[in-house]
Amino acid sequence: AKGARLSTLEAAASQAEALRGELEAKGARLSQLEAAAAGRSVVAFVRRSSFRLPRDGATPVVMVGPGTGIAPFRAFLQEMRVAAAEGRGRTGPTRLYFGCRHARGDYLYEDELAAAVEGKLLGTLRCAFSRDGARKVYVQDLLREDGREVWSLLGCRGGHLYICGGTAMGREVVLALQRTAVEHGKLSEAEAAAFVSRMEGEGRLVKELWS
């Protein structure tokens, strides 16, 4: 397992190096790796994820993972691919909301996600490229745009919502969900807040966020 993690880290650093000419700026983690001398130890940790796909394959799954928040959802898609190959494919709707600054240079897993859509592992892929348009668009904006569909999946069909990424983004996504509950579920503000709390208590809203 340690060897696998080391290989992944090396591959990530190599990929970033290959893309350097296309990127406007380096990320903090890559800068730290570059500053470390060869053979020097780098402090890191692996935190066990709380994300688990619903046992019932018919349960709708909505994933929100901008930037590095995409990581656990790549794992979800890999798990779905294995299950499908074994005849245990999911039958419920799957939606992924991904975001980054620019489609060119930042969208590292474009081919992988496109293949997931083509292979019908992923039913809907929505991307927010915040710096490519006249106005900034984020994943929470797309959630609000898709309010009717999102409410159908989460409010009517008992779907699960997974959010991974920055704390501020996670807060905005939850607010977007509450607004969706008000606009499309016809709930009051208090009822919408209670609905979100109930989802979290039932394990249908799972967040892995960092500052």
C-alpha atoms as a PDB file:
ATOM      1  CA  ALA A   1       0.000   0.000   0.000  1.00  0.00           C
ATOM      2  CA  LYS A   2       2.838   2.377   0.822  1.00  0.00           C
ATOM      3  CA  GLY A   3       4.433   1.726  -2.546  1.00  0.00           C
ATOM      4  CA  ALA A   4       1.159   2.435  -4.326  1.00  0.00           C
ATOM      5  CA  ARG A   5       0.749   5.765  -2.538  1.00  0.00           C
ATOM      6  CA  LEU A   6       4.324   6.758  -3.327  1.00  0.00           C
ATOM      7  CA  SER A   7       3.834   5.930  -7.001  1.00  0.00           C
ATOM      8  CA  THR A   8       0.675   8.019  -7.093  1.00  0.00           C
ATOM      9  CA  LEU A   9       2.475  10.985  -5.536  1.00  0.00           C
ATOM     10  CA  GLU A  10       5.350  10.660  -8.008  1.00  0.00           C
ATOM     11  CA  ALA A  11       2.919  10.423 -10.913  1.00  0.00           C
ATOM     12  CA  ALA A  12       1.059  13.529  -9.749  1.00  0.00           C
ATOM     13  CA  ALA A  13       4.282  15.501  -9.496  1.00  0.00           C
ATOM     14  CA  SER A  14       5.418  14.309 -12.911  1.00  0.00           C
ATOM     15  CA  GLN A  15       2.074  15.209 -14.463  1.00  0.00           C
ATOM     16  CA  ALA A  16       2.221  18.692 -12.978  1.00  0.00           C
ATOM     17  CA  GLU A  17       5.777  19.098 -14.286  1.00  0.00           C
ATOM     18  CA  ALA A  18       4.672  18.110 -17.781  1.00  0.00           C
ATOM     19  CA  LEU A  19       1.867  20.667 -17.673  1.00  0.00           C
ATOM     20  CA  ARG A  20       3.983  23.472 -16.254  1.00  0.00           C
ATOM     21  CA  GLY A  21       4.215  25.376 -19.524  1.00  0.00           C
ATOM     22  CA  GLU A  22       0.430  25.463 -19.800  1.00  0.00           C
ATOM     23  CA  LEU A  23      -0.284  26.594 -16.237  1.00  0.00           C
ATOM     24  CA  GLU A  24      -0.222  30.220 -15.163  1.00  0.00           C
ATOM     25  CA  ALA A  25       0.763  29.471 -11.579  1.00  0.00           C
ATOM     26  CA  LYS A  26       1.938  26.588  -9.461  1.00  0.00           C
ATOM     27  CA  GLY A  27      -0.106  25.167  -6.641  1.00  0.00           C
ATOM     28  CA  ALA A  28       1.134  25.276  -3.068  1.00  0.00           C
ATOM     29  CA  ARG A  29       1.711  21.526  -2.861  1.00  0.00           C
ATOM     30  CA  LEU A  30       3.795  21.391  -6.030  1.00  0.00           C
ATOM     31  CA  SER A  31       5.889  24.326  -4.832  1.00  0.00           C
ATOM     32  CA  GLN A  32       6.603  22.469  -1.572  1.00  0.00           C
ATOM     33  CA  LEU A  33       7.683  19.362  -3.453  1.00  0.00           C
ATOM     34  CA  GLU A  34       9.991  21.372  -5.693  1.00  0.00           C
ATOM     35  CA  ALA A  35      11.587  23.063  -2.710  1.00  0.00           C
ATOM     36  CA  ALA A  36      12.396  19.710  -1.085  1.00  0.00           C
ATOM     37  CA  ALA A  37      15.841  18.331  -1.880  1.00  0.00           C
ATOM     38  CA  ALA A  38      16.135  14.854  -3.383  1.00  0.00           C
ATOM     39  CA  GLY A  39      15.949  12.206  -0.665  1.00  0.00           C
ATOM     40  CA  ARG A  40      14.412  14.560   1.874  1.00  0.00           C
ATOM     41  CA  SER A  41      11.349  13.378   3.802  1.00  0.00           C
ATOM     42  CA  VAL A  42       8.067  15.174   3.221  1.00  0.00           C
ATOM     43  CA  VAL A  43       5.420  15.147   5.940  1.00  0.00           C
ATOM     44  CA  ALA A  44       1.992  13.987   4.722  1.00  0.00           C
ATOM     45  CA  PHE A  45      -0.944  11.991   6.008  1.00  0.00           C
ATOM     46  CA  VAL A  46      -3.784   9.942   4.603  1.00  0.00           C
ATOM     47  CA  ARG A  47      -7.207  10.402   6.179  1.00  0.00           C
ATOM     48  CA  ARG A  48      -9.749   7.619   5.910  1.00  0.00           C
ATOM     49  CA  SER A  49     -12.673   8.764   3.799  1.00  0.00           C
ATOM     50  CA  SER A  50     -16.225   8.730   5.116  1.00  0.00           C
ATOM     51  CA  PHE A  51     -17.642   8.493   1.590  1.00  0.00           C
ATOM     52  CA  ARG A  52     -19.484   5.282   0.733  1.00  0.00           C
ATOM     53  CA  LEU A  53     -21.787   4.655  -2.200  1.00  0.00           C
ATOM     54  CA  PRO A  54     -25.379   3.760  -1.224  1.00  0.00           C
ATOM     55  CA  ARG A  55     -25.912   0.011  -0.923  1.00  0.00           C
ATOM     56  CA  ASP A  56     -29.018   0.226  -3.079  1.00  0.00           C
ATOM     57  CA  GLY A  57     -27.853   0.671  -6.663  1.00  0.00           C
ATOM     58  CA  ALA A  58     -31.091   2.449  -7.554  1.00  0.00           C
ATOM     59  CA  THR A  59     -30.435   5.323  -5.128  1.00  0.00           C
ATOM     60  CA  PRO A  60     -29.581   8.599  -6.912  1.00  0.00           C
ATOM     61  CA  VAL A  61     -26.055   9.896  -6.314  1.00  0.00           C
ATOM     62  CA  VAL A  62     -25.104  13.581  -6.615  1.00  0.00           C
ATOM     63  CA  MET A  63     -21.412  14.463  -6.256  1.00  0.00           C
ATOM     64  CA  VAL A  64     -19.881  17.924  -5.899  1.00  0.00           C
ATOM     65  CA  GLY A  65     -16.097  18.049  -6.158  1.00  0.00           C
ATOM     66  CA  PRO A  66     -14.362  21.102  -7.617  1.00  0.00           C
ATOM     67  CA  GLY A  67     -10.578  21.122  -7.921  1.00  0.00           C
ATOM     68  CA  THR A  68      -8.861  18.449  -5.852  1.00  0.00           C
ATOM     69  CA  GLY A  69     -12.282  17.616  -4.428  1.00  0.00           C
ATOM     70  CA  ILE A  70     -12.706  15.379  -7.481  1.00  0.00           C
ATOM     71  CA  ALA A  71     -10.452  12.713  -5.905  1.00  0.00           C
ATOM     72  CA  PRO A  72     -13.034  10.609  -4.011  1.00  0.00           C
ATOM     73  CA  PHE A  73     -15.405  10.738  -6.964  1.00  0.00           C
ATOM     74  CA  ARG A  74     -12.782   9.312  -9.278  1.00  0.00           C
ATOM     75  CA  ALA A  75     -12.685   6.452  -6.785  1.00  0.00           C
ATOM     76  CA  PHE A  76     -16.495   6.210  -6.907  1.00  0.00           C
ATOM     77  CA  LEU A  77     -16.400   5.962 -10.697  1.00  0.00           C
ATOM     78  CA  GLN A  78     -13.712   3.288 -10.535  1.00  0.00           C
ATOM     79  CA  GLU A  79     -15.832   1.351  -8.051  1.00  0.00           C
ATOM     80  CA  MET A  80     -18.858   1.703 -10.331  1.00  0.00           C
ATOM     81  CA  ARG A  81     -16.819   0.450 -13.303  1.00  0.00           C
ATOM     82  CA  VAL A  82     -15.773  -2.687 -11.434  1.00  0.00           C
ATOM     83  CA  ALA A  83     -19.319  -3.330 -10.223  1.00  0.00           C
ATOM     84  CA  ALA A  84     -20.702  -2.892 -13.753  1.00  0.00           C
ATOM     85  CA  ALA A  85     -18.155  -5.354 -15.136  1.00  0.00           C
ATOM     86  CA  GLU A  86     -19.348  -7.878 -12.542  1.00  0.00           C
ATOM     87  CA  GLY A  87     -22.991  -7.349 -13.454  1.00  0.00           C
ATOM     88  CA  ARG A  88     -23.719  -5.211 -10.397  1.00  0.00           C
ATOM     89  CA  GLY A  89     -23.950  -1.842 -12.130  1.00  0.00           C
ATOM     90  CA  ARG A  90     -25.876   1.030 -10.567  1.00  0.00           C
ATOM     91  CA  THR A  91     -29.298   1.731 -12.013  1.00  0.00           C
ATOM     92  CA  GLY A  92     -29.971   5.027 -10.219  1.00  0.00           C
ATOM     93  CA  PRO A  93     -29.063   8.454 -11.642  1.00  0.00           C
ATOM     94  CA  THR A  94     -25.519   9.740 -11.076  1.00  0.00           C
ATOM     95  CA  ARG A  95     -24.536  13.417 -11.375  1.00  0.00           C
ATOM     96  CA  LEU A  96     -21.138  15.037 -10.892  1.00  0.00           C
ATOM     97  CA  TYR A  97     -20.479  18.754 -10.455  1.00  0.00           C
ATOM     98  CA  PHE A  98     -16.849  19.616 -11.109  1.00  0.00           C
ATOM     99  CA  GLY A  99     -15.215  23.027 -11.156  1.00  0.00           C
ATOM    100  CA  CYS A 100     -11.856  24.668 -11.787  1.00  0.00           C
ATOM    101  CA  ARG A 101     -10.585  27.999 -13.072  1.00  0.00           C
ATOM    102  CA  HIS A 102      -9.893  27.136 -16.699  1.00  0.00           C
ATOM    103  CA  ALA A 103     -10.935  24.293 -18.974  1.00  0.00           C
ATOM    104  CA  ARG A 104      -7.485  24.365 -20.561  1.00  0.00           C
ATOM    105  CA  GLY A 105      -4.727  23.419 -18.151  1.00  0.00           C
ATOM    106  CA  ASP A 106      -6.831  22.906 -15.003  1.00  0.00           C
ATOM    107  CA  TYR A 107      -9.223  20.214 -16.242  1.00  0.00           C
ATOM    108  CA  LEU A 108      -6.785  17.341 -15.669  1.00  0.00           C
ATOM    109  CA  TYR A 109      -9.304  14.482 -15.745  1.00  0.00           C
ATOM    110  CA  GLU A 110     -11.344  15.603 -18.732  1.00  0.00           C
ATOM    111  CA  ASP A 111     -10.786  12.406 -20.742  1.00  0.00           C
ATOM    112  CA  GLU A 112     -11.492  10.184 -17.754  1.00  0.00           C
ATOM    113  CA  LEU A 113     -14.764  11.921 -16.936  1.00  0.00           C
ATOM    114  CA  ALA A 114     -15.832  12.006 -20.576  1.00  0.00           C
ATOM    115  CA  ALA A 115     -15.219   8.252 -20.753  1.00  0.00           C
ATOM    116  CA  ALA A 116     -17.370   7.768 -17.635  1.00  0.00           C
ATOM    117  CA  VAL A 117     -20.226   9.618 -19.331  1.00  0.00           C
ATOM    118  CA  GLU A 118     -19.777   7.697 -22.570  1.00  0.00           C
ATOM    119  CA  GLY A 119     -19.702   4.413 -20.644  1.00  0.00           C
ATOM    120  CA  LYS A 120     -22.895   5.435 -18.823  1.00  0.00           C
ATOM    121  CA  LEU A 121     -21.256   5.217 -15.396  1.00  0.00           C
ATOM    122  CA  LEU A 122     -21.979   8.926 -15.025  1.00  0.00           C
ATOM    123  CA  GLY A 123     -25.373  10.134 -16.138  1.00  0.00           C
ATOM    124  CA  THR A 124     -24.724  13.872 -15.951  1.00  0.00           C
ATOM    125  CA  LEU A 125     -21.481  15.843 -15.834  1.00  0.00           C
ATOM    126  CA  ARG A 126     -21.706  19.578 -15.079  1.00  0.00           C
ATOM    127  CA  CYS A 127     -18.552  21.703 -15.178  1.00  0.00           C
ATOM    128  CA  ALA A 128     -18.010  25.229 -13.887  1.00  0.00           C
ATOM    129  CA  PHE A 129     -14.920  26.976 -15.281  1.00  0.00           C
ATOM    130  CA  SER A 130     -14.917  30.079 -13.154  1.00  0.00           C
ATOM    131  CA  ARG A 131     -12.446  32.197 -15.165  1.00  0.00           C
ATOM    132  CA  ASP A 132     -13.388  31.257 -18.717  1.00  0.00           C
ATOM    133  CA  GLY A 133     -16.503  33.381 -19.087  1.00  0.00           C
ATOM    134  CA  ALA A 134     -17.638  36.955 -18.713  1.00  0.00           C
ATOM    135  CA  ARG A 135     -18.859  36.164 -15.209  1.00  0.00           C
ATOM    136  CA  LYS A 136     -17.546  33.766 -12.603  1.00  0.00           C
ATOM    137  CA  VAL A 137     -19.536  30.534 -12.357  1.00  0.00           C
ATOM    138  CA  TYR A 138     -19.070  28.032  -9.549  1.00  0.00           C
ATOM    139  CA  VAL A 139     -20.477  24.584  -8.788  1.00  0.00           C
ATOM    140  CA  GLN A 140     -23.073  26.046  -6.422  1.00  0.00           C
ATOM    141  CA  ASP A 141     -24.374  28.205  -9.280  1.00  0.00           C
ATOM    142  CA  LEU A 142     -24.890  25.117 -11.438  1.00  0.00           C
ATOM    143  CA  LEU A 143     -26.690  23.384  -8.566  1.00  0.00           C
ATOM    144  CA  ARG A 144     -29.081  26.314  -8.349  1.00  0.00           C
ATOM    145  CA  GLU A 145     -29.604  26.235 -12.115  1.00  0.00           C
ATOM    146  CA  ASP A 146     -30.423  22.525 -11.896  1.00  0.00           C
ATOM    147  CA  GLY A 147     -32.677  23.015  -8.890  1.00  0.00           C
ATOM    148  CA  ARG A 148     -35.677  21.142 -10.263  1.00  0.00           C
ATOM    149  CA  GLU A 149     -33.638  18.049 -11.165  1.00  0.00           C
ATOM    150  CA  VAL A 150     -31.611  18.181  -7.954  1.00  0.00           C
ATOM    151  CA  TRP A 151     -34.750  18.395  -5.821  1.00  0.00           C
ATOM    152  CA  SER A 152     -36.276  15.460  -7.692  1.00  0.00           C
ATOM    153  CA  LEU A 153     -33.220  13.330  -6.922  1.00  0.00           C
ATOM    154  CA  LEU A 154     -32.612  14.422  -3.323  1.00  0.00           C
ATOM    155  CA  GLY A 155     -35.983  15.572  -2.066  1.00  0.00           C
ATOM    156  CA  CYS A 156     -38.313  13.152  -3.839  1.00  0.00           C
ATOM    157  CA  ARG A 157     -36.226  10.060  -4.517  1.00  0.00           C
ATOM    158  CA  GLY A 158     -34.064   9.899  -1.389  1.00  0.00           C
ATOM    159  CA  GLY A 159     -30.759  10.470  -3.167  1.00  0.00           C
ATOM    160  CA  HIS A 160     -27.378  10.968  -1.527  1.00  0.00           C
ATOM    161  CA  LEU A 161     -25.305  14.156  -1.817  1.00  0.00           C
ATOM    162  CA  TYR A 162     -21.516  14.089  -1.417  1.00  0.00           C
ATOM    163  CA  ILE A 163     -19.480  17.306  -1.183  1.00  0.00           C
ATOM    164  CA  CYS A 164     -15.681  17.426  -1.233  1.00  0.00           C
ATOM    165  CA  GLY A 165     -13.427  20.488  -1.357  1.00  0.00           C
ATOM    166  CA  GLY A 166     -13.000  23.814   0.376  1.00  0.00           C
ATOM    167  CA  THR A 167     -15.046  24.796   3.420  1.00  0.00           C
ATOM    168  CA  ALA A 168     -16.428  27.969   1.822  1.00  0.00           C
ATOM    169  CA  MET A 169     -17.558  26.034  -1.263  1.00  0.00           C
ATOM    170  CA  GLY A 170     -19.215  23.396   0.907  1.00  0.00           C
ATOM    171  CA  ARG A 171     -21.117  26.055   2.814  1.00  0.00           C
ATOM    172  CA  GLU A 172     -22.353  27.611  -0.438  1.00  0.00           C
ATOM    173  CA  VAL A 173     -23.447  24.234  -1.801  1.00  0.00           C
ATOM    174  CA  VAL A 174     -25.487  23.537   1.330  1.00  0.00           C
ATOM    175  CA  LEU A 175     -27.094  26.985   1.030  1.00  0.00           C
ATOM    176  CA  ALA A 176     -27.888  26.214  -2.622  1.00  0.00           C
ATOM    177  CA  LEU A 177     -29.524  22.958  -1.511  1.00  0.00           C
ATOM    178  CA  GLN A 178     -31.635  24.813   1.050  1.00  0.00           C
ATOM    179  CA  ARG A 179     -32.689  27.358  -1.567  1.00  0.00           C
ATOM    180  CA  THR A 180     -33.621  24.494  -3.894  1.00  0.00           C
ATOM    181  CA  ALA A 181     -35.755  22.963  -1.149  1.00  0.00           C
ATOM    182  CA  VAL A 182     -37.596  26.265  -0.776  1.00  0.00           C
ATOM    183  CA  GLU A 183     -38.067  26.967  -4.486  1.00  0.00           C
ATOM    184  CA  HIS A 184     -38.799  23.477  -5.776  1.00  0.00           C
ATOM    185  CA  GLY A 185     -39.836  21.592  -2.642  1.00  0.00           C
ATOM    186  CA  LYS A 186     -42.097  24.440  -1.498  1.00  0.00           C
ATOM    187  CA  LEU A 187     -40.639  24.261   2.004  1.00  0.00           C
ATOM    188  CA  SER A 188     -40.309  27.194   4.350  1.00  0.00           C
ATOM    189  CA  GLU A 189     -36.821  28.422   5.254  1.00  0.00           C
ATOM    190  CA  ALA A 190     -37.019  26.587   8.583  1.00  0.00           C
ATOM    191  CA  GLU A 191     -38.305  23.406   6.934  1.00  0.00           C
ATOM    192  CA  ALA A 192     -35.525  23.570   4.333  1.00  0.00           C
ATOM    193  CA  ALA A 193     -32.871  23.876   7.058  1.00  0.00           C
ATOM    194  CA  ALA A 194     -34.467  20.934   8.891  1.00  0.00           C
ATOM    195  CA  PHE A 195     -34.490  18.913   5.669  1.00  0.00           C
ATOM    196  CA  VAL A 196     -30.735  19.436   5.223  1.00  0.00           C
ATOM    197  CA  SER A 197     -30.087  18.507   8.854  1.00  0.00           C
ATOM    198  CA  ARG A 198     -32.198  15.382   8.444  1.00  0.00           C
ATOM    199  CA  MET A 199     -30.259  14.389   5.313  1.00  0.00           C
ATOM    200  CA  GLU A 200     -27.022  14.742   7.247  1.00  0.00           C
ATOM    201  CA  GLY A 201     -28.358  12.735  10.179  1.00  0.00           C
ATOM    202  CA  GLU A 202     -29.488   9.944   7.855  1.00  0.00           C
ATOM    203  CA  GLY A 203     -26.087   9.803   6.167  1.00  0.00           C
ATOM    204  CA  ARG A 204     -27.511  11.093   2.881  1.00  0.00           C
ATOM    205  CA  LEU A 205     -25.468  14.304   3.011  1.00  0.00           C
ATOM    206  CA  VAL A 206     -21.758  13.653   3.527  1.00  0.00           C
ATOM    207  CA  LYS A 207     -19.094  16.361   3.475  1.00  0.00           C
ATOM    208  CA  GLU A 208     -15.294  16.207   3.461  1.00  0.00           C
ATOM    209  CA  LEU A 209     -14.102  19.808   3.561  1.00  0.00           C
ATOM    210  CA  TRP A 210     -10.922  21.677   4.380  1.00  0.00           C
ATOM    211  CA  SER A 211      -9.838  25.290   4.807  1.00  0.00           C
END
